[in-house]
Amino acid sequence: MPHRAASPRIYFLVFASLLLLTLTTVVVAAVPLGAFHTPVALAIAGVKATLVVLFFMHALHSPRLTWAAILGSLFWLAIMIGLTMADYLTRGWMHA
């Protein structure tokens, strides 16, 4: 299987995007968003993690088995978070 190499320009653009998103994280931390502060911060972190996985970990041009492992891991993470939240939200000590 031939190895597909990305150009240095792509890596510099992704790096610049990561720096811009990091700056956005710092700016958003200073803005009072109330209840939306955590979802916005997690969304920015998710975009940064996606860029790192796709480009710097070379998942973009990986075989289907690698994609199956990535999707299986995300599915398992969703199950774990869902079960944790189901337990947490049904506790008796929480105030409504």
PDB file of N, CA and C in Angstrom:
ATOM      1  N   MET A   1       0.843  -1.166   0.000  1.00  0.00           N
ATOM      2  CA  MET A   1       0.000   0.000   0.000  1.00  0.00           C
ATOM      3  C   MET A   1       0.898   1.242   0.000  1.00  0.00           C
ATOM      4  N   PRO A   2       0.719   2.124  -0.960  1.00  0.00           N
ATOM      5  CA  PRO A   2       1.549   3.327  -1.007  1.00  0.00           C
ATOM      6  C   PRO A   2       1.200   4.289   0.118  1.00  0.00           C
ATOM      7  N   HIS A   3       2.235   4.919   0.638  1.00  0.00           N
ATOM      8  CA  HIS A   3       2.057   5.883   1.726  1.00  0.00           C
ATOM      9  C   HIS A   3       1.734   7.245   1.114  1.00  0.00           C
ATOM     10  N   ARG A   4       0.677   7.840   1.550  1.00  0.00           N
ATOM     11  CA  ARG A   4       0.274   9.149   1.043  1.00  0.00           C
ATOM     12  C   ARG A   4       0.795  10.228   1.983  1.00  0.00           C
ATOM     13  N   ALA A   5       1.702  11.046   1.506  1.00  0.00           N
ATOM     14  CA  ALA A   5       2.312  12.086   2.337  1.00  0.00           C
ATOM     15  C   ALA A   5       1.589  13.409   2.120  1.00  0.00           C
ATOM     16  N   ALA A   6       1.322  14.088   3.196  1.00  0.00           N
ATOM     17  CA  ALA A   6       0.694  15.409   3.117  1.00  0.00           C
ATOM     18  C   ALA A   6       1.781  16.461   2.934  1.00  0.00           C
ATOM     19  N   SER A   7       1.412  17.537   2.314  1.00  0.00           N
ATOM     20  CA  SER A   7       2.384  18.606   2.089  1.00  0.00           C
ATOM     21  C   SER A   7       2.621  19.382   3.390  1.00  0.00           C
ATOM     22  N   PRO A   8       3.793  19.984   3.514  1.00  0.00           N
ATOM     23  CA  PRO A   8       4.068  20.787   4.711  1.00  0.00           C
ATOM     24  C   PRO A   8       3.082  21.941   4.874  1.00  0.00           C
ATOM     25  N   ARG A   9       2.544  22.422   3.764  1.00  0.00           N
ATOM     26  CA  ARG A   9       1.566  23.522   3.830  1.00  0.00           C
ATOM     27  C   ARG A   9       0.336  23.113   4.638  1.00  0.00           C
ATOM     28  N   ILE A  10      -0.108  21.882   4.434  1.00  0.00           N
ATOM     29  CA  ILE A  10      -1.270  21.379   5.186  1.00  0.00           C
ATOM     30  C   ILE A  10      -0.963  21.361   6.678  1.00  0.00           C
ATOM     31  N   TYR A  11       0.229  20.876   7.031  1.00  0.00           N
ATOM     32  CA  TYR A  11       0.600  20.819   8.449  1.00  0.00           C
ATOM     33  C   TYR A  11       0.687  22.211   9.071  1.00  0.00           C
ATOM     34  N   PHE A  12       1.219  23.164   8.324  1.00  0.00           N
ATOM     35  CA  PHE A  12       1.292  24.532   8.842  1.00  0.00           C
ATOM     36  C   PHE A  12      -0.100  25.142   9.002  1.00  0.00           C
ATOM     37  N   LEU A  13      -1.009  24.841   8.072  1.00  0.00           N
ATOM     38  CA  LEU A  13      -2.378  25.348   8.193  1.00  0.00           C
ATOM     39  C   LEU A  13      -3.100  24.734   9.395  1.00  0.00           C
ATOM     40  N   VAL A  14      -2.900  23.446   9.600  1.00  0.00           N
ATOM     41  CA  VAL A  14      -3.516  22.794  10.763  1.00  0.00           C
ATOM     42  C   VAL A  14      -2.908  23.339  12.049  1.00  0.00           C
ATOM     43  N   PHE A  15      -1.588  23.544  12.051  1.00  0.00           N
ATOM     44  CA  PHE A  15      -0.928  24.116  13.229  1.00  0.00           C
ATOM     45  C   PHE A  15      -1.448  25.528  13.520  1.00  0.00           C
ATOM     46  N   ALA A  16      -1.594  26.328  12.469  1.00  0.00           N
ATOM     47  CA  ALA A  16      -2.134  27.683  12.645  1.00  0.00           C
ATOM     48  C   ALA A  16      -3.570  27.625  13.161  1.00  0.00           C
ATOM     49  N   SER A  17      -4.347  26.670  12.666  1.00  0.00           N
ATOM     50  CA  SER A  17      -5.723  26.506  13.152  1.00  0.00           C
ATOM     51  C   SER A  17      -5.744  26.129  14.629  1.00  0.00           C
ATOM     52  N   LEU A  18      -4.833  25.245  15.027  1.00  0.00           N
ATOM     53  CA  LEU A  18      -4.756  24.859  16.436  1.00  0.00           C
ATOM     54  C   LEU A  18      -4.358  26.042  17.316  1.00  0.00           C
ATOM     55  N   LEU A  19      -3.431  26.860  16.833  1.00  0.00           N
ATOM     56  CA  LEU A  19      -3.060  28.051  17.600  1.00  0.00           C
ATOM     57  C   LEU A  19      -4.234  29.024  17.695  1.00  0.00           C
ATOM     58  N   LEU A  20      -4.955  29.198  16.601  1.00  0.00           N
ATOM     59  CA  LEU A  20      -6.114  30.083  16.607  1.00  0.00           C
ATOM     60  C   LEU A  20      -7.206  29.555  17.548  1.00  0.00           C
ATOM     61  N   LEU A  21      -7.417  28.258  17.545  1.00  0.00           N
ATOM     62  CA  LEU A  21      -8.411  27.678  18.454  1.00  0.00           C
ATOM     63  C   LEU A  21      -7.965  27.781  19.913  1.00  0.00           C
ATOM     64  N   THR A  22      -6.670  27.680  20.167  1.00  0.00           N
ATOM     65  CA  THR A  22      -6.168  27.863  21.525  1.00  0.00           C
ATOM     66  C   THR A  22      -6.386  29.302  21.989  1.00  0.00           C
ATOM     67  N   LEU A  23      -6.121  30.245  21.103  1.00  0.00           N
ATOM     68  CA  LEU A  23      -6.389  31.647  21.417  1.00  0.00           C
ATOM     69  C   LEU A  23      -7.884  31.866  21.663  1.00  0.00           C
ATOM     70  N   THR A  24      -8.712  31.211  20.861  1.00  0.00           N
ATOM     71  CA  THR A  24     -10.166  31.304  21.054  1.00  0.00           C
ATOM     72  C   THR A  24     -10.569  30.758  22.416  1.00  0.00           C
ATOM     73  N   THR A  25      -9.933  29.679  22.841  1.00  0.00           N
ATOM     74  CA  THR A  25     -10.212  29.104  24.158  1.00  0.00           C
ATOM     75  C   THR A  25      -9.890  30.108  25.265  1.00  0.00           C
ATOM     76  N   VAL A  26      -8.765  30.788  25.134  1.00  0.00           N
ATOM     77  CA  VAL A  26      -8.356  31.774  26.141  1.00  0.00           C
ATOM     78  C   VAL A  26      -9.330  32.944  26.166  1.00  0.00           C
ATOM     79  N   VAL A  27      -9.742  33.407  24.992  1.00  0.00           N
ATOM     80  CA  VAL A  27     -10.679  34.537  24.925  1.00  0.00           C
ATOM     81  C   VAL A  27     -12.039  34.145  25.487  1.00  0.00           C
ATOM     82  N   VAL A  28     -12.507  32.957  25.127  1.00  0.00           N
ATOM     83  CA  VAL A  28     -13.816  32.506  25.605  1.00  0.00           C
ATOM     84  C   VAL A  28     -13.808  32.320  27.119  1.00  0.00           C
ATOM     85  N   ALA A  29     -12.673  31.958  27.676  1.00  0.00           N
ATOM     86  CA  ALA A  29     -12.585  31.782  29.136  1.00  0.00           C
ATOM     87  C   ALA A  29     -12.836  33.093  29.871  1.00  0.00           C
ATOM     88  N   ALA A  30     -12.540  34.221  29.221  1.00  0.00           N
ATOM     89  CA  ALA A  30     -12.725  35.518  29.865  1.00  0.00           C
ATOM     90  C   ALA A  30     -14.117  36.098  29.632  1.00  0.00           C
ATOM     91  N   VAL A  31     -14.885  35.488  28.742  1.00  0.00           N
ATOM     92  CA  VAL A  31     -16.221  35.994  28.417  1.00  0.00           C
ATOM     93  C   VAL A  31     -17.244  35.295  29.307  1.00  0.00           C
ATOM     94  N   PRO A  32     -18.126  36.044  29.972  1.00  0.00           N
ATOM     95  CA  PRO A  32     -19.157  35.402  30.808  1.00  0.00           C
ATOM     96  C   PRO A  32     -20.280  34.823  29.952  1.00  0.00           C
ATOM     97  N   LEU A  33     -20.264  33.510  29.773  1.00  0.00           N
ATOM     98  CA  LEU A  33     -21.274  32.848  28.953  1.00  0.00           C
ATOM     99  C   LEU A  33     -22.334  32.130  29.785  1.00  0.00           C
ATOM    100  N   GLY A  34     -22.155  32.127  31.066  1.00  0.00           N
ATOM    101  CA  GLY A  34     -23.129  31.471  31.940  1.00  0.00           C
ATOM    102  C   GLY A  34     -23.115  29.960  31.744  1.00  0.00           C
ATOM    103  N   ALA A  35     -24.275  29.397  31.484  1.00  0.00           N
ATOM    104  CA  ALA A  35     -24.404  27.951  31.338  1.00  0.00           C
ATOM    105  C   ALA A  35     -23.766  27.435  30.051  1.00  0.00           C
ATOM    106  N   PHE A  36     -23.484  28.322  29.099  1.00  0.00           N
ATOM    107  CA  PHE A  36     -22.910  27.891  27.829  1.00  0.00           C
ATOM    108  C   PHE A  36     -21.384  27.833  27.846  1.00  0.00           C
ATOM    109  N   HIS A  37     -20.784  28.187  28.965  1.00  0.00           N
ATOM    110  CA  HIS A  37     -19.321  28.219  29.037  1.00  0.00           C
ATOM    111  C   HIS A  37     -18.713  26.828  28.809  1.00  0.00           C
ATOM    112  N   THR A  38     -19.211  25.832  29.506  1.00  0.00           N
ATOM    113  CA  THR A  38     -18.666  24.478  29.373  1.00  0.00           C
ATOM    114  C   THR A  38     -18.928  23.884  27.994  1.00  0.00           C
ATOM    115  N   PRO A  39     -20.150  23.961  27.439  1.00  0.00           N
ATOM    116  CA  PRO A  39     -20.348  23.407  26.086  1.00  0.00           C
ATOM    117  C   PRO A  39     -19.480  24.071  25.023  1.00  0.00           C
ATOM    118  N   VAL A  40     -19.283  25.372  25.113  1.00  0.00           N
ATOM    119  CA  VAL A  40     -18.440  26.064  24.138  1.00  0.00           C
ATOM    120  C   VAL A  40     -16.992  25.601  24.271  1.00  0.00           C
ATOM    121  N   ALA A  41     -16.502  25.508  25.496  1.00  0.00           N
ATOM    122  CA  ALA A  41     -15.127  25.052  25.714  1.00  0.00           C
ATOM    123  C   ALA A  41     -14.945  23.613  25.232  1.00  0.00           C
ATOM    124  N   LEU A  42     -15.922  22.752  25.479  1.00  0.00           N
ATOM    125  CA  LEU A  42     -15.830  21.367  25.019  1.00  0.00           C
ATOM    126  C   LEU A  42     -15.913  21.271  23.503  1.00  0.00           C
ATOM    127  N   ALA A  43     -16.692  22.128  22.877  1.00  0.00           N
ATOM    128  CA  ALA A  43     -16.774  22.127  21.416  1.00  0.00           C
ATOM    129  C   ALA A  43     -15.440  22.533  20.798  1.00  0.00           C
ATOM    130  N   ILE A  44     -14.809  23.550  21.349  1.00  0.00           N
ATOM    131  CA  ILE A  44     -13.499  23.970  20.849  1.00  0.00           C
ATOM    132  C   ILE A  44     -12.474  22.850  21.056  1.00  0.00           C
ATOM    133  N   ALA A  45     -12.499  22.225  22.201  1.00  0.00           N
ATOM    134  CA  ALA A  45     -11.573  21.120  22.479  1.00  0.00           C
ATOM    135  C   ALA A  45     -11.824  19.944  21.540  1.00  0.00           C
ATOM    136  N   GLY A  46     -13.077  19.686  21.229  1.00  0.00           N
ATOM    137  CA  GLY A  46     -13.403  18.608  20.297  1.00  0.00           C
ATOM    138  C   GLY A  46     -12.886  18.872  18.894  1.00  0.00           C
ATOM    139  N   VAL A  47     -12.987  20.115  18.443  1.00  0.00           N
ATOM    140  CA  VAL A  47     -12.464  20.478  17.120  1.00  0.00           C
ATOM    141  C   VAL A  47     -10.943  20.327  17.102  1.00  0.00           C
ATOM    142  N   LYS A  48     -10.280  20.766  18.163  1.00  0.00           N
ATOM    143  CA  LYS A  48      -8.824  20.634  18.229  1.00  0.00           C
ATOM    144  C   LYS A  48      -8.413  19.164  18.245  1.00  0.00           C
ATOM    145  N   ALA A  49      -9.104  18.345  19.006  1.00  0.00           N
ATOM    146  CA  ALA A  49      -8.780  16.920  19.065  1.00  0.00           C
ATOM    147  C   ALA A  49      -9.004  16.255  17.709  1.00  0.00           C
ATOM    148  N   THR A  50     -10.059  16.656  17.012  1.00  0.00           N
ATOM    149  CA  THR A  50     -10.330  16.099  15.688  1.00  0.00           C
ATOM    150  C   THR A  50      -9.220  16.454  14.709  1.00  0.00           C
ATOM    151  N   LEU A  51      -8.757  17.687  14.735  1.00  0.00           N
ATOM    152  CA  LEU A  51      -7.659  18.088  13.856  1.00  0.00           C
ATOM    153  C   LEU A  51      -6.388  17.293  14.152  1.00  0.00           C
ATOM    154  N   VAL A  52      -6.085  17.101  15.409  1.00  0.00           N
ATOM    155  CA  VAL A  52      -4.886  16.349  15.779  1.00  0.00           C
ATOM    156  C   VAL A  52      -4.989  14.906  15.308  1.00  0.00           C
ATOM    157  N   VAL A  53      -6.133  14.279  15.531  1.00  0.00           N
ATOM    158  CA  VAL A  53      -6.299  12.881  15.124  1.00  0.00           C
ATOM    159  C   VAL A  53      -6.252  12.742  13.607  1.00  0.00           C
ATOM    160  N   LEU A  54      -6.939  13.600  12.896  1.00  0.00           N
ATOM    161  CA  LEU A  54      -7.004  13.470  11.442  1.00  0.00           C
ATOM    162  C   LEU A  54      -5.673  13.744  10.753  1.00  0.00           C
ATOM    163  N   PHE A  55      -4.962  14.773  11.176  1.00  0.00           N
ATOM    164  CA  PHE A  55      -3.775  15.180  10.445  1.00  0.00           C
ATOM    165  C   PHE A  55      -2.468  14.722  11.084  1.00  0.00           C
ATOM    166  N   PHE A  56      -2.279  14.971  12.369  1.00  0.00           N
ATOM    167  CA  PHE A  56      -1.002  14.634  12.981  1.00  0.00           C
ATOM    168  C   PHE A  56      -0.891  13.150  13.329  1.00  0.00           C
ATOM    169  N   MET A  57      -2.018  12.473  13.523  1.00  0.00           N
ATOM    170  CA  MET A  57      -1.993  11.033  13.743  1.00  0.00           C
ATOM    171  C   MET A  57      -2.294  10.274  12.456  1.00  0.00           C
ATOM    172  N   HIS A  58      -2.441  10.989  11.355  1.00  0.00           N
ATOM    173  CA  HIS A  58      -2.604  10.434  10.013  1.00  0.00           C
ATOM    174  C   HIS A  58      -3.821   9.515   9.884  1.00  0.00           C
ATOM    175  N   ALA A  59      -4.878   9.801  10.587  1.00  0.00           N
ATOM    176  CA  ALA A  59      -6.083   8.984  10.484  1.00  0.00           C
ATOM    177  C   ALA A  59      -6.886   9.305   9.222  1.00  0.00           C
ATOM    178  N   LEU A  60      -6.640  10.438   8.621  1.00  0.00           N
ATOM    179  CA  LEU A  60      -7.398  10.859   7.444  1.00  0.00           C
ATOM    180  C   LEU A  60      -7.220   9.895   6.282  1.00  0.00           C
ATOM    181  N   HIS A  61      -6.024   9.373   6.109  1.00  0.00           N
ATOM    182  CA  HIS A  61      -5.740   8.457   5.007  1.00  0.00           C
ATOM    183  C   HIS A  61      -5.438   7.054   5.504  1.00  0.00           C
ATOM    184  N   SER A  62      -6.029   6.682   6.617  1.00  0.00           N
ATOM    185  CA  SER A  62      -5.802   5.363   7.194  1.00  0.00           C
ATOM    186  C   SER A  62      -6.766   4.342   6.599  1.00  0.00           C
ATOM    187  N   PRO A  63      -6.432   3.064   6.754  1.00  0.00           N
ATOM    188  CA  PRO A  63      -7.342   2.022   6.262  1.00  0.00           C
ATOM    189  C   PRO A  63      -8.635   1.957   7.073  1.00  0.00           C
ATOM    190  N   ARG A  64      -9.575   1.208   6.562  1.00  0.00           N
ATOM    191  CA  ARG A  64     -10.899   1.104   7.201  1.00  0.00           C
ATOM    192  C   ARG A  64     -10.840   0.506   8.595  1.00  0.00           C
ATOM    193  N   LEU A  65      -9.892  -0.378   8.832  1.00  0.00           N
ATOM    194  CA  LEU A  65      -9.770  -0.983  10.155  1.00  0.00           C
ATOM    195  C   LEU A  65      -9.417   0.070  11.209  1.00  0.00           C
ATOM    196  N   THR A  66      -8.576   1.014  10.845  1.00  0.00           N
ATOM    197  CA  THR A  66      -8.242   2.095  11.773  1.00  0.00           C
ATOM    198  C   THR A  66      -9.474   2.939  12.067  1.00  0.00           C
ATOM    199  N   TRP A  67     -10.254   3.230  11.022  1.00  0.00           N
ATOM    200  CA  TRP A  67     -11.487   3.999  11.224  1.00  0.00           C
ATOM    201  C   TRP A  67     -12.482   3.227  12.083  1.00  0.00           C
ATOM    202  N   ALA A  68     -12.529   1.911  11.915  1.00  0.00           N
ATOM    203  CA  ALA A  68     -13.412   1.096  12.758  1.00  0.00           C
ATOM    204  C   ALA A  68     -12.984   1.179  14.221  1.00  0.00           C
ATOM    205  N   ALA A  69     -11.677   1.169  14.464  1.00  0.00           N
ATOM    206  CA  ALA A  69     -11.173   1.286  15.836  1.00  0.00           C
ATOM    207  C   ALA A  69     -11.492   2.663  16.418  1.00  0.00           C
ATOM    208  N   ILE A  70     -11.335   3.705  15.613  1.00  0.00           N
ATOM    209  CA  ILE A  70     -11.643   5.064  16.081  1.00  0.00           C
ATOM    210  C   ILE A  70     -13.126   5.198  16.407  1.00  0.00           C
ATOM    211  N   LEU A  71     -13.973   4.754  15.493  1.00  0.00           N
ATOM    212  CA  LEU A  71     -15.422   4.859  15.719  1.00  0.00           C
ATOM    213  C   LEU A  71     -15.876   3.974  16.876  1.00  0.00           C
ATOM    214  N   GLY A  72     -15.280   2.786  16.993  1.00  0.00           N
ATOM    215  CA  GLY A  72     -15.608   1.915  18.130  1.00  0.00           C
ATOM    216  C   GLY A  72     -15.222   2.552  19.452  1.00  0.00           C
ATOM    217  N   SER A  73     -14.073   3.223  19.474  1.00  0.00           N
ATOM    218  CA  SER A  73     -13.639   3.907  20.702  1.00  0.00           C
ATOM    219  C   SER A  73     -14.575   5.049  21.067  1.00  0.00           C
ATOM    220  N   LEU A  74     -14.989   5.827  20.064  1.00  0.00           N
ATOM    221  CA  LEU A  74     -15.928   6.919  20.331  1.00  0.00           C
ATOM    222  C   LEU A  74     -17.285   6.393  20.792  1.00  0.00           C
ATOM    223  N   PHE A  75     -17.722   5.284  20.202  1.00  0.00           N
ATOM    224  CA  PHE A  75     -18.983   4.675  20.623  1.00  0.00           C
ATOM    225  C   PHE A  75     -18.893   4.195  22.068  1.00  0.00           C
ATOM    226  N   TRP A  76     -17.781   3.541  22.425  1.00  0.00           N
ATOM    227  CA  TRP A  76     -17.584   3.074  23.794  1.00  0.00           C
ATOM    228  C   TRP A  76     -17.523   4.249  24.775  1.00  0.00           C
ATOM    229  N   LEU A  77     -16.863   5.337  24.377  1.00  0.00           N
ATOM    230  CA  LEU A  77     -16.819   6.529  25.223  1.00  0.00           C
ATOM    231  C   LEU A  77     -18.221   7.092  25.440  1.00  0.00           C
ATOM    232  N   ALA A  78     -19.040   7.103  24.380  1.00  0.00           N
ATOM    233  CA  ALA A  78     -20.417   7.582  24.511  1.00  0.00           C
ATOM    234  C   ALA A  78     -21.221   6.700  25.469  1.00  0.00           C
ATOM    235  N   ILE A  79     -21.005   5.402  25.405  1.00  0.00           N
ATOM    236  CA  ILE A  79     -21.686   4.489  26.332  1.00  0.00           C
ATOM    237  C   ILE A  79     -21.276   4.791  27.772  1.00  0.00           C
ATOM    238  N   MET A  80     -19.976   4.954  28.001  1.00  0.00           N
ATOM    239  CA  MET A  80     -19.479   5.218  29.353  1.00  0.00           C
ATOM    240  C   MET A  80     -20.005   6.547  29.898  1.00  0.00           C
ATOM    241  N   ILE A  81     -19.984   7.585  29.076  1.00  0.00           N
ATOM    242  CA  ILE A  81     -20.502   8.881  29.516  1.00  0.00           C
ATOM    243  C   ILE A  81     -22.003   8.793  29.759  1.00  0.00           C
ATOM    244  N   GLY A  82     -22.709   8.099  28.885  1.00  0.00           N
ATOM    245  CA  GLY A  82     -24.161   7.943  29.056  1.00  0.00           C
ATOM    246  C   GLY A  82     -24.516   7.211  30.340  1.00  0.00           C
ATOM    247  N   LEU A  83     -23.822   6.134  30.628  1.00  0.00           N
ATOM    248  CA  LEU A  83     -24.101   5.394  31.862  1.00  0.00           C
ATOM    249  C   LEU A  83     -23.718   6.201  33.102  1.00  0.00           C
ATOM    250  N   THR A  84     -22.624   6.930  33.033  1.00  0.00           N
ATOM    251  CA  THR A  84     -22.222   7.774  34.156  1.00  0.00           C
ATOM    252  C   THR A  84     -23.261   8.862  34.404  1.00  0.00           C
ATOM    253  N   MET A  85     -23.728   9.500  33.326  1.00  0.00           N
ATOM    254  CA  MET A  85     -24.740  10.550  33.484  1.00  0.00           C
ATOM    255  C   MET A  85     -26.069   9.973  33.970  1.00  0.00           C
ATOM    256  N   ALA A  86     -26.419   8.771  33.529  1.00  0.00           N
ATOM    257  CA  ALA A  86     -27.652   8.145  34.008  1.00  0.00           C
ATOM    258  C   ALA A  86     -27.576   7.895  35.510  1.00  0.00           C
ATOM    259  N   ASP A  87     -26.427   7.466  35.989  1.00  0.00           N
ATOM    260  CA  ASP A  87     -26.253   7.267  37.424  1.00  0.00           C
ATOM    261  C   ASP A  87     -26.283   8.597  38.165  1.00  0.00           C
ATOM    262  N   TYR A  88     -25.560   9.571  37.657  1.00  0.00           N
ATOM    263  CA  TYR A  88     -25.455  10.862  38.330  1.00  0.00           C
ATOM    264  C   TYR A  88     -26.802  11.583  38.396  1.00  0.00           C
ATOM    265  N   LEU A  89     -27.563  11.549  37.304  1.00  0.00           N
ATOM    266  CA  LEU A  89     -28.828  12.281  37.260  1.00  0.00           C
ATOM    267  C   LEU A  89     -29.951  11.610  38.055  1.00  0.00           C
ATOM    268  N   THR A  90     -29.788  10.350  38.414  1.00  0.00           N
ATOM    269  CA  THR A  90     -30.826   9.667  39.188  1.00  0.00           C
ATOM    270  C   THR A  90     -30.498   9.565  40.666  1.00  0.00           C
ATOM    271  N   ARG A  91     -29.481  10.262  41.095  1.00  0.00           N
ATOM    272  CA  ARG A  91     -29.140  10.267  42.527  1.00  0.00           C
ATOM    273  C   ARG A  91     -30.190  11.032  43.308  1.00  0.00           C
ATOM    274  N   GLY A  92     -30.446  10.582  44.530  1.00  0.00           N
ATOM    275  CA  GLY A  92     -31.458  11.232  45.357  1.00  0.00           C
ATOM    276  C   GLY A  92     -31.018  12.548  45.973  1.00  0.00           C
ATOM    277  N   TRP A  93     -29.748  12.814  46.043  1.00  0.00           N
ATOM    278  CA  TRP A  93     -29.264  14.007  46.705  1.00  0.00           C
ATOM    279  C   TRP A  93     -29.260  15.233  45.802  1.00  0.00           C
ATOM    280  N   MET A  94     -29.589  15.072  44.544  1.00  0.00           N
ATOM    281  CA  MET A  94     -29.614  16.217  43.643  1.00  0.00           C
ATOM    282  C   MET A  94     -30.868  17.047  43.882  1.00  0.00           C
ATOM    283  N   HIS A  95     -30.739  18.360  43.799  1.00  0.00           N
ATOM    284  CA  HIS A  95     -31.887  19.241  43.939  1.00  0.00           C
ATOM    285  C   HIS A  95     -32.454  19.544  42.577  1.00  0.00           C
ATOM    286  N   ALA A  96     -33.761  19.537  42.485  1.00  0.00           N
ATOM    287  CA  ALA A  96     -34.413  19.769  41.197  1.00  0.00           C
ATOM    288  C   ALA A  96     -34.534  21.230  40.869  1.00  0.00           C
TER     289      ALA A  96
END
